[in-house]
Amino acid sequence: MEETLLELLCAPVSHAALRVASAVELGQINSQIRQRLVRNRDGATLDLELDGSLVCESESTCYPIRDGLPVLISGEAFDWPQKS
């Protein structure tokens, strides 16, 4: 994702800053998605691996990136890191 675009985006509820998940984080997220362990805030289990993710550290959440587009809808966010 282009750095200038990222500077314009923020978390939809808290308006906190977002950052692109690292390759390691994305690998961990997709591993948990394959195991069907990730639920979004609307309660749906994520079925498809993500192209990327935007992390909001102040909320401990992630917003998915699908088909190269960030999905900044509060119900689509999921907790990260996963809480046990």
N, C-alpha and C. Protein backbone atom coordinates (compact mmCIF):
# COMPACT_ATOMS: atom_id res chain seq x y z
N MET A 1 0.85 -1.17 0.00
CA MET A 1 0.00 0.00 0.00
C MET A 1 0.89 1.23 0.00
N GLU A 2 0.50 2.19 -0.77
CA GLU A 2 1.28 3.41 -0.91
C GLU A 2 1.28 4.20 0.40
N GLU A 3 2.47 4.67 0.79
CA GLU A 3 2.64 5.38 2.07
C GLU A 3 1.76 6.62 2.16
N THR A 4 1.61 7.36 1.07
CA THR A 4 0.79 8.58 1.12
C THR A 4 -0.67 8.25 1.35
N LEU A 5 -1.15 7.13 0.80
CA LEU A 5 -2.53 6.71 1.04
C LEU A 5 -2.71 6.29 2.49
N LEU A 6 -1.75 5.55 3.01
CA LEU A 6 -1.82 5.08 4.40
C LEU A 6 -1.91 6.25 5.38
N GLU A 7 -1.22 7.34 5.07
CA GLU A 7 -1.26 8.51 5.95
C GLU A 7 -2.65 9.13 6.01
N LEU A 8 -3.47 8.91 5.00
CA LEU A 8 -4.82 9.48 4.97
C LEU A 8 -5.85 8.60 5.68
N LEU A 9 -5.51 7.34 5.89
CA LEU A 9 -6.45 6.40 6.49
C LEU A 9 -6.33 6.37 8.01
N CYS A 10 -7.45 6.05 8.66
CA CYS A 10 -7.44 5.87 10.11
C CYS A 10 -8.51 4.84 10.47
N ALA A 11 -8.45 4.34 11.69
CA ALA A 11 -9.45 3.40 12.17
C ALA A 11 -10.81 4.10 12.19
N PRO A 12 -11.87 3.43 11.72
CA PRO A 12 -13.16 4.10 11.58
C PRO A 12 -13.81 4.53 12.89
N VAL A 13 -13.58 3.82 13.97
CA VAL A 13 -14.23 4.17 15.24
C VAL A 13 -13.37 5.12 16.07
N SER A 14 -12.12 4.76 16.30
CA SER A 14 -11.25 5.54 17.18
C SER A 14 -10.48 6.64 16.45
N HIS A 15 -10.43 6.55 15.13
CA HIS A 15 -9.65 7.47 14.29
C HIS A 15 -8.15 7.39 14.58
N ALA A 16 -7.71 6.27 15.16
CA ALA A 16 -6.31 6.05 15.47
C ALA A 16 -5.55 5.69 14.20
N ALA A 17 -4.23 5.81 14.27
CA ALA A 17 -3.36 5.50 13.14
C ALA A 17 -3.38 4.01 12.81
N LEU A 18 -3.13 3.73 11.54
CA LEU A 18 -3.03 2.35 11.06
C LEU A 18 -1.66 2.13 10.45
N ARG A 19 -1.22 0.87 10.47
CA ARG A 19 0.02 0.51 9.80
C ARG A 19 -0.22 -0.81 9.08
N VAL A 20 0.57 -1.06 8.07
CA VAL A 20 0.46 -2.31 7.32
C VAL A 20 1.08 -3.43 8.15
N ALA A 21 0.38 -4.55 8.24
CA ALA A 21 0.90 -5.72 8.96
C ALA A 21 2.16 -6.21 8.25
N SER A 22 3.15 -6.60 9.04
CA SER A 22 4.38 -7.15 8.48
C SER A 22 4.09 -8.51 7.83
N ALA A 23 5.04 -8.98 7.04
CA ALA A 23 4.90 -10.29 6.40
C ALA A 23 4.74 -11.39 7.44
N VAL A 24 5.46 -11.28 8.54
CA VAL A 24 5.36 -12.28 9.62
C VAL A 24 3.97 -12.24 10.23
N GLU A 25 3.48 -11.03 10.54
CA GLU A 25 2.14 -10.91 11.12
C GLU A 25 1.08 -11.45 10.16
N LEU A 26 1.19 -11.11 8.88
CA LEU A 26 0.22 -11.59 7.91
C LEU A 26 0.25 -13.11 7.82
N GLY A 27 1.43 -13.69 7.88
CA GLY A 27 1.54 -15.15 7.90
C GLY A 27 0.85 -15.76 9.10
N GLN A 28 1.00 -15.13 10.26
CA GLN A 28 0.33 -15.62 11.47
C GLN A 28 -1.18 -15.49 11.35
N ILE A 29 -1.64 -14.36 10.83
CA ILE A 29 -3.08 -14.14 10.65
C ILE A 29 -3.65 -15.18 9.71
N ASN A 30 -3.01 -15.37 8.56
CA ASN A 30 -3.52 -16.33 7.58
C ASN A 30 -3.46 -17.76 8.09
N SER A 31 -2.47 -18.08 8.91
CA SER A 31 -2.40 -19.40 9.53
C SER A 31 -3.61 -19.62 10.43
N GLN A 32 -3.96 -18.61 11.22
CA GLN A 32 -5.13 -18.74 12.10
C GLN A 32 -6.43 -18.76 11.31
N ILE A 33 -6.48 -18.04 10.18
CA ILE A 33 -7.66 -18.09 9.33
C ILE A 33 -7.84 -19.50 8.77
N ARG A 34 -6.75 -20.12 8.31
CA ARG A 34 -6.82 -21.49 7.78
C ARG A 34 -7.34 -22.46 8.84
N GLN A 35 -7.03 -22.19 10.11
CA GLN A 35 -7.50 -23.04 11.21
C GLN A 35 -8.90 -22.64 11.69
N ARG A 36 -9.47 -21.62 11.03
CA ARG A 36 -10.81 -21.11 11.35
C ARG A 36 -10.90 -20.58 12.79
N LEU A 37 -9.87 -19.87 13.20
CA LEU A 37 -9.79 -19.33 14.56
C LEU A 37 -10.06 -17.83 14.64
N VAL A 38 -10.29 -17.19 13.49
CA VAL A 38 -10.43 -15.73 13.48
C VAL A 38 -11.88 -15.36 13.19
N ARG A 39 -12.46 -14.59 14.11
CA ARG A 39 -13.82 -14.06 13.92
C ARG A 39 -13.75 -12.54 13.89
N ASN A 40 -14.53 -11.96 13.00
CA ASN A 40 -14.56 -10.50 12.97
C ASN A 40 -15.52 -9.98 14.04
N ARG A 41 -15.60 -8.68 14.16
CA ARG A 41 -16.43 -8.07 15.20
C ARG A 41 -17.92 -8.34 15.00
N ASP A 42 -18.32 -8.66 13.76
CA ASP A 42 -19.71 -9.03 13.50
C ASP A 42 -19.98 -10.48 13.86
N GLY A 43 -18.94 -11.24 14.24
CA GLY A 43 -19.10 -12.63 14.66
C GLY A 43 -18.89 -13.66 13.57
N ALA A 44 -18.60 -13.23 12.36
CA ALA A 44 -18.39 -14.16 11.25
C ALA A 44 -16.96 -14.70 11.28
N THR A 45 -16.81 -15.98 11.02
CA THR A 45 -15.49 -16.60 10.92
C THR A 45 -14.89 -16.24 9.56
N LEU A 46 -13.65 -15.79 9.57
CA LEU A 46 -12.97 -15.48 8.31
C LEU A 46 -12.60 -16.78 7.63
N ASP A 47 -12.99 -16.91 6.36
CA ASP A 47 -12.75 -18.14 5.60
C ASP A 47 -11.61 -18.01 4.61
N LEU A 48 -11.42 -16.82 4.07
CA LEU A 48 -10.42 -16.62 3.03
C LEU A 48 -9.21 -15.89 3.57
N GLU A 49 -8.04 -16.37 3.17
CA GLU A 49 -6.81 -15.70 3.58
C GLU A 49 -6.80 -14.27 3.04
N LEU A 50 -6.09 -13.40 3.74
CA LEU A 50 -6.05 -11.98 3.39
C LEU A 50 -4.86 -11.65 2.51
N ASP A 51 -5.05 -10.66 1.64
CA ASP A 51 -3.95 -10.12 0.82
C ASP A 51 -3.02 -9.30 1.70
N GLY A 52 -3.58 -8.71 2.74
CA GLY A 52 -2.85 -7.86 3.66
C GLY A 52 -3.78 -7.46 4.78
N SER A 53 -3.26 -6.66 5.69
CA SER A 53 -4.06 -6.23 6.82
C SER A 53 -3.50 -4.91 7.34
N LEU A 54 -4.39 -4.06 7.82
CA LEU A 54 -4.00 -2.82 8.48
C LEU A 54 -4.19 -3.01 9.98
N VAL A 55 -3.16 -2.73 10.73
CA VAL A 55 -3.17 -2.93 12.18
C VAL A 55 -3.40 -1.60 12.87
N CYS A 56 -4.33 -1.60 13.83
CA CYS A 56 -4.54 -0.45 14.69
C CYS A 56 -4.05 -0.87 16.08
N GLU A 57 -2.88 -0.42 16.44
CA GLU A 57 -2.28 -0.85 17.70
C GLU A 57 -3.06 -0.34 18.91
N SER A 58 -3.64 0.84 18.83
CA SER A 58 -4.36 1.38 19.99
C SER A 58 -5.64 0.59 20.27
N GLU A 59 -6.22 -0.04 19.24
CA GLU A 59 -7.43 -0.85 19.43
C GLU A 59 -7.11 -2.34 19.53
N SER A 60 -5.88 -2.73 19.22
CA SER A 60 -5.49 -4.15 19.12
C SER A 60 -6.37 -4.88 18.12
N THR A 61 -6.61 -4.23 16.98
CA THR A 61 -7.43 -4.82 15.93
C THR A 61 -6.72 -4.73 14.59
N CYS A 62 -7.26 -5.50 13.65
CA CYS A 62 -6.81 -5.46 12.27
C CYS A 62 -8.01 -5.26 11.37
N TYR A 63 -7.76 -4.58 10.27
CA TYR A 63 -8.75 -4.41 9.23
C TYR A 63 -8.22 -5.12 7.99
N PRO A 64 -9.03 -5.98 7.37
CA PRO A 64 -8.54 -6.76 6.24
C PRO A 64 -8.30 -5.91 5.00
N ILE A 65 -7.38 -6.38 4.18
CA ILE A 65 -7.18 -5.84 2.83
C ILE A 65 -7.56 -6.97 1.89
N ARG A 66 -8.58 -6.71 1.06
CA ARG A 66 -9.05 -7.72 0.11
C ARG A 66 -9.00 -7.13 -1.29
N ASP A 67 -8.45 -7.90 -2.21
CA ASP A 67 -8.30 -7.45 -3.60
C ASP A 67 -7.59 -6.11 -3.67
N GLY A 68 -6.65 -5.91 -2.75
CA GLY A 68 -5.85 -4.69 -2.73
C GLY A 68 -6.51 -3.48 -2.10
N LEU A 69 -7.74 -3.65 -1.60
CA LEU A 69 -8.48 -2.53 -1.00
C LEU A 69 -8.69 -2.75 0.49
N PRO A 70 -8.38 -1.75 1.32
CA PRO A 70 -8.63 -1.89 2.76
C PRO A 70 -10.13 -1.85 3.04
N VAL A 71 -10.58 -2.73 3.92
CA VAL A 71 -11.98 -2.79 4.31
C VAL A 71 -12.09 -2.14 5.69
N LEU A 72 -12.38 -0.85 5.70
CA LEU A 72 -12.40 -0.09 6.95
C LEU A 72 -13.83 0.03 7.47
N ILE A 73 -14.42 -1.12 7.76
CA ILE A 73 -15.76 -1.22 8.33
C ILE A 73 -15.58 -1.85 9.71
N SER A 74 -16.11 -1.21 10.74
CA SER A 74 -15.83 -1.67 12.11
C SER A 74 -16.21 -3.13 12.33
N GLY A 75 -17.28 -3.61 11.73
CA GLY A 75 -17.69 -5.01 11.90
C GLY A 75 -16.76 -6.00 11.23
N GLU A 76 -15.96 -5.55 10.27
CA GLU A 76 -15.02 -6.42 9.58
C GLU A 76 -13.69 -6.54 10.32
N ALA A 77 -13.46 -5.69 11.31
CA ALA A 77 -12.23 -5.74 12.10
C ALA A 77 -12.19 -7.02 12.94
N PHE A 78 -10.98 -7.46 13.26
CA PHE A 78 -10.82 -8.61 14.15
C PHE A 78 -9.70 -8.31 15.13
N ASP A 79 -9.79 -8.96 16.29
CA ASP A 79 -8.80 -8.75 17.33
C ASP A 79 -7.43 -9.27 16.89
N TRP A 80 -6.40 -8.49 17.18
CA TRP A 80 -5.04 -8.92 16.93
C TRP A 80 -4.12 -8.22 17.89
N PRO A 81 -3.25 -8.91 18.61
CA PRO A 81 -3.10 -10.35 18.53
C PRO A 81 -4.31 -11.06 19.09
N GLN A 82 -4.49 -12.29 18.65
CA GLN A 82 -5.64 -13.08 19.10
C GLN A 82 -5.57 -13.26 20.61
N LYS A 83 -6.71 -13.10 21.23
CA LYS A 83 -6.80 -13.27 22.69
C LYS A 83 -7.12 -14.72 22.99
N SER A 84 -6.44 -15.27 23.98
CA SER A 84 -6.69 -16.68 24.30
C SER A 84 -7.82 -16.83 25.28
